[in-house]
Amino acid sequence: MSKLKYLFGPMRLPFVILTPVCVLLGFSTAVWTSASLNVLHVILTFIGGITAHISVNAFNEYFDFKSGLDARTSRTPFSGGSGTLQQKPELANQALGTAITTFIITGLIGIFFLLVRGLMLLPLGFLGLFLLIAYTPWFARSPLLCLIAPGLGFGTLMVMGTAYVLTGHYSTTAFVASLVPFFLVSNLLLLNQFPDVEADRSIGRRHYPIVIGRRASSLIYGAFLLLTYLTILLGVALKYLPPISLIGLLTLILAIPTFIGVYRHSEDVKQLIPYMGRSVSVILLTPLLVSIGLLLG
């Protein structure tokens, strides 16, 4: 079991649960807008999403180890990497190999869908693969790109890409639905940067908690939560989402006190950690509930 722990550590598997939720949202929009779906395509889509997430996790683990960042970071249950390479530095090349292998698998699945669905998929596919390898070395040095890149990857690209490969066309429903994880996943990474400000600054990273401070960044967190729920309301009002998708608003019960806690404790990492956990619940449950609404609608 210990060997398996070190083998799978750089994959950060507990965080990979986010991917099936985002792919499910794309799948649900495809179900709502299309009469029938190909089972093989559905399976390959889920596999491709998971390998893409494992790849970006392993790349991040490798780059953060090589830069020395992880050695300077105080780990929390939600940030600071898995700690695998600090305990077993000889596994660094294995982590890189995992990243490259899953990147290739993702690329091959993308090529399959290019052959099946045509070149209209190429912009999403190319940007998605670029995000996999560019986030840590490049995007993490730009506050705006660092903020929106996670949302683009897991929201816009994953949800719209899933819907496209399953239906063969882009839809406004898929775009609107993709905005839910766009704002939420961007928030996930934003909040995870709060404990790492000093360590990230020391290696040249530039994200909003560094540039404008944690307290001001907590307001961005709140704004993105607000935009998430406005997206659901407007999507239903404009008939891009079925009315039952409003069940996604149920997570406001968690989101409001979570934002209040994040704002109050933005400068106190120890007090912030419980709210980071509650934030993860909001991020997973909201798109899941919207997916259920689409499937039932």
Protein backbone atom coordinates (compact mmCIF):
# COMPACT_ATOMS: atom_id res chain seq x y z
CA MET A 1 0.00 0.00 0.00
CA SER A 2 2.89 2.34 0.75
CA LYS A 3 4.31 1.80 -2.74
CA LEU A 4 0.93 2.51 -4.30
CA LYS A 5 0.68 5.70 -2.25
CA TYR A 6 3.94 6.99 -3.70
CA LEU A 7 3.01 5.76 -7.19
CA PHE A 8 -0.33 7.56 -7.25
CA GLY A 9 0.69 10.54 -5.10
CA PRO A 10 1.70 12.89 -7.95
CA MET A 11 -1.64 12.18 -9.64
CA ARG A 12 -3.41 13.87 -6.68
CA LEU A 13 -6.31 11.44 -7.14
CA PRO A 14 -8.57 12.88 -4.40
CA PHE A 15 -8.83 16.05 -6.50
CA VAL A 16 -9.62 14.17 -9.73
CA ILE A 17 -13.24 13.76 -8.55
CA LEU A 18 -13.79 17.24 -10.00
CA THR A 19 -13.36 15.94 -13.56
CA PRO A 20 -16.28 13.46 -13.66
CA VAL A 21 -18.52 16.22 -12.29
CA CYS A 22 -17.50 18.63 -15.08
CA VAL A 23 -17.70 15.97 -17.80
CA LEU A 24 -21.11 14.95 -16.45
CA LEU A 25 -22.28 18.53 -16.93
CA GLY A 26 -21.20 18.43 -20.57
CA PHE A 27 -22.81 15.01 -20.96
CA SER A 28 -26.04 16.34 -19.43
CA THR A 29 -26.21 19.25 -21.86
CA ALA A 30 -25.69 16.77 -24.71
CA VAL A 31 -28.55 14.60 -23.40
CA TRP A 32 -30.83 17.63 -23.12
CA THR A 33 -30.07 18.87 -26.66
CA SER A 34 -29.59 15.59 -28.56
CA ALA A 35 -31.82 12.60 -29.23
CA SER A 36 -29.18 9.87 -28.86
CA LEU A 37 -25.53 9.48 -27.88
CA ASN A 38 -22.78 7.00 -28.75
CA VAL A 39 -21.83 4.95 -25.67
CA LEU A 40 -18.19 4.54 -26.81
CA HIS A 41 -17.89 8.29 -27.24
CA VAL A 42 -19.27 8.86 -23.74
CA ILE A 43 -16.74 6.43 -22.23
CA LEU A 44 -13.81 7.94 -24.14
CA THR A 45 -14.87 11.43 -23.08
CA PHE A 46 -14.77 10.51 -19.40
CA ILE A 47 -11.41 8.74 -19.83
CA GLY A 48 -9.96 11.73 -21.69
CA GLY A 49 -11.13 14.15 -19.02
CA ILE A 50 -9.61 12.06 -16.23
CA THR A 51 -6.26 11.57 -18.01
CA ALA A 52 -6.13 15.31 -18.73
CA HIS A 53 -6.64 16.10 -15.05
CA ILE A 54 -4.05 13.55 -13.94
CA SER A 55 -1.62 14.99 -16.46
CA VAL A 56 -1.94 18.56 -15.25
CA ASN A 57 -1.66 17.38 -11.63
CA ALA A 58 1.51 15.39 -12.33
CA PHE A 59 3.05 18.23 -14.35
CA ASN A 60 2.32 20.64 -11.48
CA GLU A 61 3.77 18.22 -8.96
CA TYR A 62 6.95 17.84 -11.02
CA PHE A 63 7.43 21.53 -11.78
CA ASP A 64 6.69 22.59 -8.20
CA PHE A 65 9.24 20.07 -6.92
CA LYS A 66 11.92 21.16 -9.40
CA SER A 67 11.38 24.85 -8.65
CA GLY A 68 11.71 24.19 -4.93
CA LEU A 69 8.23 25.57 -4.28
CA ASP A 70 6.90 22.51 -2.45
CA ALA A 71 9.83 22.59 -0.05
CA ARG A 72 8.81 26.14 0.96
CA THR A 73 5.07 25.55 1.13
CA SER A 74 3.10 24.72 4.25
CA ARG A 75 0.76 22.02 3.03
CA THR A 76 -2.96 22.01 3.81
CA PRO A 77 -5.53 19.34 2.90
CA PHE A 78 -6.38 21.44 -0.17
CA SER A 79 -3.11 23.04 -1.27
CA GLY A 80 0.64 22.57 -1.36
CA GLY A 81 0.81 19.42 -3.47
CA SER A 82 0.79 15.79 -2.35
CA GLY A 83 4.19 15.89 -0.63
CA THR A 84 5.20 12.71 -2.47
CA LEU A 85 8.32 14.09 -4.13
CA GLN A 86 9.51 15.71 -0.92
CA GLN A 87 9.45 12.30 0.72
CA LYS A 88 10.68 10.39 -2.34
CA PRO A 89 12.65 12.77 -4.61
CA GLU A 90 13.85 9.83 -6.69
CA LEU A 91 10.29 9.54 -8.03
CA ALA A 92 10.49 12.90 -9.85
CA ASN A 93 11.14 11.31 -13.23
CA GLN A 94 8.29 8.89 -12.63
CA ALA A 95 5.97 11.83 -11.95
CA LEU A 96 7.10 13.46 -15.19
CA GLY A 97 6.56 10.17 -17.00
CA THR A 98 3.04 9.98 -15.60
CA ALA A 99 2.34 13.51 -16.79
CA ILE A 100 3.64 12.82 -20.30
CA THR A 101 1.91 9.44 -20.62
CA THR A 102 -1.51 10.76 -19.60
CA PHE A 103 -0.94 13.82 -21.80
CA ILE A 104 -0.38 11.50 -24.78
CA ILE A 105 -3.48 9.44 -23.94
CA THR A 106 -5.53 12.63 -23.77
CA GLY A 107 -4.08 13.77 -27.09
CA LEU A 108 -4.84 10.44 -28.79
CA ILE A 109 -8.44 10.56 -27.62
CA GLY A 110 -8.61 14.11 -28.93
CA ILE A 111 -7.27 12.99 -32.31
CA PHE A 112 -9.92 10.25 -32.43
CA PHE A 113 -12.66 12.82 -31.92
CA LEU A 114 -11.08 15.14 -34.49
CA LEU A 115 -11.40 12.33 -37.03
CA VAL A 116 -14.97 11.63 -35.97
CA ARG A 117 -16.28 15.17 -35.49
CA GLY A 118 -14.04 17.30 -37.70
CA LEU A 119 -11.77 20.30 -37.35
CA MET A 120 -14.29 22.44 -35.45
CA LEU A 121 -13.05 20.65 -32.33
CA LEU A 122 -9.44 21.71 -32.95
CA PRO A 123 -9.49 25.13 -31.21
CA LEU A 124 -10.84 23.65 -27.97
CA GLY A 125 -8.55 20.64 -28.13
CA PHE A 126 -5.41 22.66 -28.84
CA LEU A 127 -6.13 25.19 -26.09
CA GLY A 128 -6.89 22.38 -23.65
CA LEU A 129 -3.59 20.60 -24.29
CA PHE A 130 -1.72 23.91 -24.11
CA LEU A 131 -3.26 24.64 -20.71
CA LEU A 132 -2.08 21.26 -19.45
CA ILE A 133 1.58 22.10 -19.89
CA ALA A 134 1.54 25.90 -19.68
CA TYR A 135 -0.26 26.60 -16.40
CA THR A 136 2.59 26.11 -13.94
CA PRO A 137 5.56 27.49 -15.93
CA TRP A 138 3.77 30.45 -17.61
CA PHE A 139 0.19 31.17 -16.58
CA ALA A 140 1.07 31.19 -12.87
CA ARG A 141 3.09 34.37 -13.49
CA SER A 142 0.10 36.37 -14.73
CA PRO A 143 -2.61 37.23 -12.17
CA LEU A 144 -5.47 37.29 -14.69
CA LEU A 145 -4.41 34.15 -16.56
CA CYS A 146 -3.72 32.37 -13.29
CA LEU A 147 -7.25 33.23 -12.16
CA ILE A 148 -9.18 32.18 -15.28
CA ALA A 149 -7.07 29.30 -16.62
CA PRO A 150 -8.50 26.65 -14.22
CA GLY A 151 -12.04 27.73 -15.05
CA LEU A 152 -11.30 27.67 -18.76
CA GLY A 153 -9.87 24.17 -18.51
CA PHE A 154 -12.52 22.54 -16.34
CA GLY A 155 -15.43 24.75 -17.34
CA THR A 156 -15.43 26.17 -20.85
CA LEU A 157 -13.18 23.59 -22.49
CA MET A 158 -14.24 20.44 -20.64
CA VAL A 159 -17.99 21.06 -20.65
CA MET A 160 -18.24 22.49 -24.16
CA GLY A 161 -15.73 19.95 -25.49
CA THR A 162 -17.71 17.07 -23.99
CA ALA A 163 -20.97 18.37 -25.42
CA TYR A 164 -19.40 18.89 -28.84
CA VAL A 165 -17.80 15.45 -29.19
CA LEU A 166 -21.05 13.79 -28.10
CA THR A 167 -23.38 15.80 -30.34
CA GLY A 168 -21.22 17.09 -33.19
CA HIS A 169 -22.19 20.71 -32.68
CA TYR A 170 -21.68 23.62 -30.30
CA SER A 171 -24.66 24.88 -28.34
CA THR A 172 -25.50 27.91 -26.27
CA THR A 173 -26.77 25.55 -23.56
CA ALA A 174 -23.32 23.98 -23.24
CA PHE A 175 -21.67 27.41 -23.12
CA VAL A 176 -24.03 28.70 -20.42
CA ALA A 177 -23.66 25.49 -18.39
CA SER A 178 -19.87 25.69 -18.73
CA LEU A 179 -19.85 29.06 -16.98
CA VAL A 180 -20.91 27.39 -13.71
CA PRO A 181 -17.65 25.40 -13.31
CA PHE A 182 -15.73 28.25 -14.98
CA PHE A 183 -16.40 30.56 -12.04
CA LEU A 184 -16.33 27.84 -9.38
CA VAL A 185 -13.09 26.12 -10.42
CA SER A 186 -11.36 29.48 -10.83
CA ASN A 187 -12.47 30.14 -7.26
CA LEU A 188 -11.08 26.78 -6.15
CA LEU A 189 -7.56 27.61 -7.33
CA LEU A 190 -7.84 31.21 -6.14
CA LEU A 191 -8.67 30.12 -2.60
CA ASN A 192 -5.96 27.44 -2.65
CA GLN A 193 -3.43 30.22 -3.30
CA PHE A 194 -4.18 31.97 0.00
CA PRO A 195 -1.94 29.71 2.14
CA ASP A 196 0.87 29.79 -0.45
CA VAL A 197 1.39 33.54 -0.87
CA GLU A 198 4.87 33.76 0.63
CA ALA A 199 6.14 30.55 -0.98
CA ASP A 200 4.71 31.45 -4.40
CA ARG A 201 6.15 34.95 -4.25
CA SER A 202 9.62 33.54 -3.53
CA ILE A 203 9.76 31.71 -6.89
CA GLY A 204 8.30 34.51 -9.01
CA ARG A 205 4.66 33.55 -9.21
CA ARG A 206 2.14 36.38 -9.50
CA HIS A 207 -1.49 35.73 -8.63
CA TYR A 208 -4.09 37.98 -7.07
CA PRO A 209 -3.49 37.03 -3.40
CA ILE A 210 0.12 38.16 -4.00
CA VAL A 211 -0.63 41.23 -6.11
CA ILE A 212 -3.65 42.71 -4.30
CA GLY A 213 -3.64 40.74 -1.05
CA ARG A 214 -5.80 38.01 0.44
CA ARG A 215 -8.59 40.29 1.71
CA ALA A 216 -9.16 41.92 -1.68
CA SER A 217 -8.89 38.52 -3.38
CA SER A 218 -11.67 37.22 -1.14
CA LEU A 219 -13.92 39.80 -2.82
CA ILE A 220 -13.04 38.28 -6.21
CA TYR A 221 -14.01 34.93 -4.69
CA GLY A 222 -17.36 36.39 -3.66
CA ALA A 223 -17.93 37.99 -7.06
CA PHE A 224 -17.30 34.68 -8.82
CA LEU A 225 -19.76 32.94 -6.50
CA LEU A 226 -22.35 35.57 -7.34
CA LEU A 227 -21.70 35.16 -11.08
CA THR A 228 -22.14 31.40 -10.74
CA TYR A 229 -25.67 31.74 -9.40
CA LEU A 230 -26.55 34.56 -11.80
CA THR A 231 -25.51 32.25 -14.63
CA ILE A 232 -27.98 29.61 -13.47
CA LEU A 233 -30.78 32.16 -13.06
CA LEU A 234 -30.17 33.79 -16.44
CA GLY A 235 -29.73 30.42 -18.15
CA VAL A 236 -33.18 29.38 -16.98
CA ALA A 237 -34.74 32.80 -17.65
CA LEU A 238 -33.42 32.75 -21.23
CA LYS A 239 -34.47 29.09 -21.65
CA TYR A 240 -30.97 27.79 -22.25
CA LEU A 241 -31.35 25.62 -19.15
CA PRO A 242 -34.49 23.78 -17.99
CA PRO A 243 -36.30 25.31 -15.01
CA ILE A 244 -35.42 22.35 -12.78
CA SER A 245 -31.75 23.37 -13.11
CA LEU A 246 -32.57 25.97 -10.49
CA ILE A 247 -31.87 23.22 -7.95
CA GLY A 248 -28.26 24.34 -8.41
CA LEU A 249 -29.19 27.37 -6.30
CA LEU A 250 -29.56 25.09 -3.27
CA THR A 251 -25.83 25.33 -2.64
CA LEU A 252 -26.31 28.99 -1.70
CA ILE A 253 -26.98 27.55 1.75
CA LEU A 254 -23.29 26.61 1.84
CA ALA A 255 -21.89 29.33 -0.39
CA ILE A 256 -23.01 32.37 1.58
CA PRO A 257 -21.50 31.38 4.96
CA THR A 258 -18.43 30.10 3.11
CA PHE A 259 -17.83 33.50 1.53
CA ILE A 260 -18.36 35.24 4.87
CA GLY A 261 -15.81 32.90 6.48
CA VAL A 262 -13.31 33.38 3.66
CA TYR A 263 -13.59 37.16 3.94
CA ARG A 264 -13.30 37.20 7.73
CA HIS A 265 -10.41 34.75 7.93
CA SER A 266 -8.57 35.59 4.70
CA GLU A 267 -5.41 36.46 6.63
CA ASP A 268 -5.54 33.49 9.02
CA VAL A 269 -4.77 30.24 7.20
CA LYS A 270 -5.57 28.02 10.17
CA GLN A 271 -9.06 29.54 10.50
CA LEU A 272 -9.49 29.53 6.72
CA ILE A 273 -9.00 25.77 6.20
CA PRO A 274 -12.56 24.68 7.18
CA TYR A 275 -13.95 27.17 4.68
CA MET A 276 -11.66 25.80 1.98
CA GLY A 277 -13.33 22.44 2.59
CA ARG A 278 -16.81 23.94 2.40
CA SER A 279 -15.81 25.71 -0.80
CA VAL A 280 -14.91 22.35 -2.35
CA SER A 281 -18.40 21.10 -1.48
CA VAL A 282 -19.98 24.08 -3.25
CA ILE A 283 -17.73 23.57 -6.27
CA LEU A 284 -18.67 19.89 -6.61
CA LEU A 285 -22.35 20.04 -5.69
CA THR A 286 -23.44 23.02 -7.78
CA PRO A 287 -22.56 21.66 -11.25
CA LEU A 288 -23.74 18.23 -10.11
CA LEU A 289 -27.17 19.63 -9.26
CA VAL A 290 -27.33 21.57 -12.55
CA SER A 291 -26.46 18.31 -14.33
CA ILE A 292 -29.31 16.53 -12.57
CA GLY A 293 -31.60 19.35 -13.62
CA LEU A 294 -30.57 18.94 -17.25
CA LEU A 295 -31.03 15.18 -17.12
CA LEU A 296 -34.48 15.53 -15.57
CA GLY A 297 -35.49 18.52 -17.69
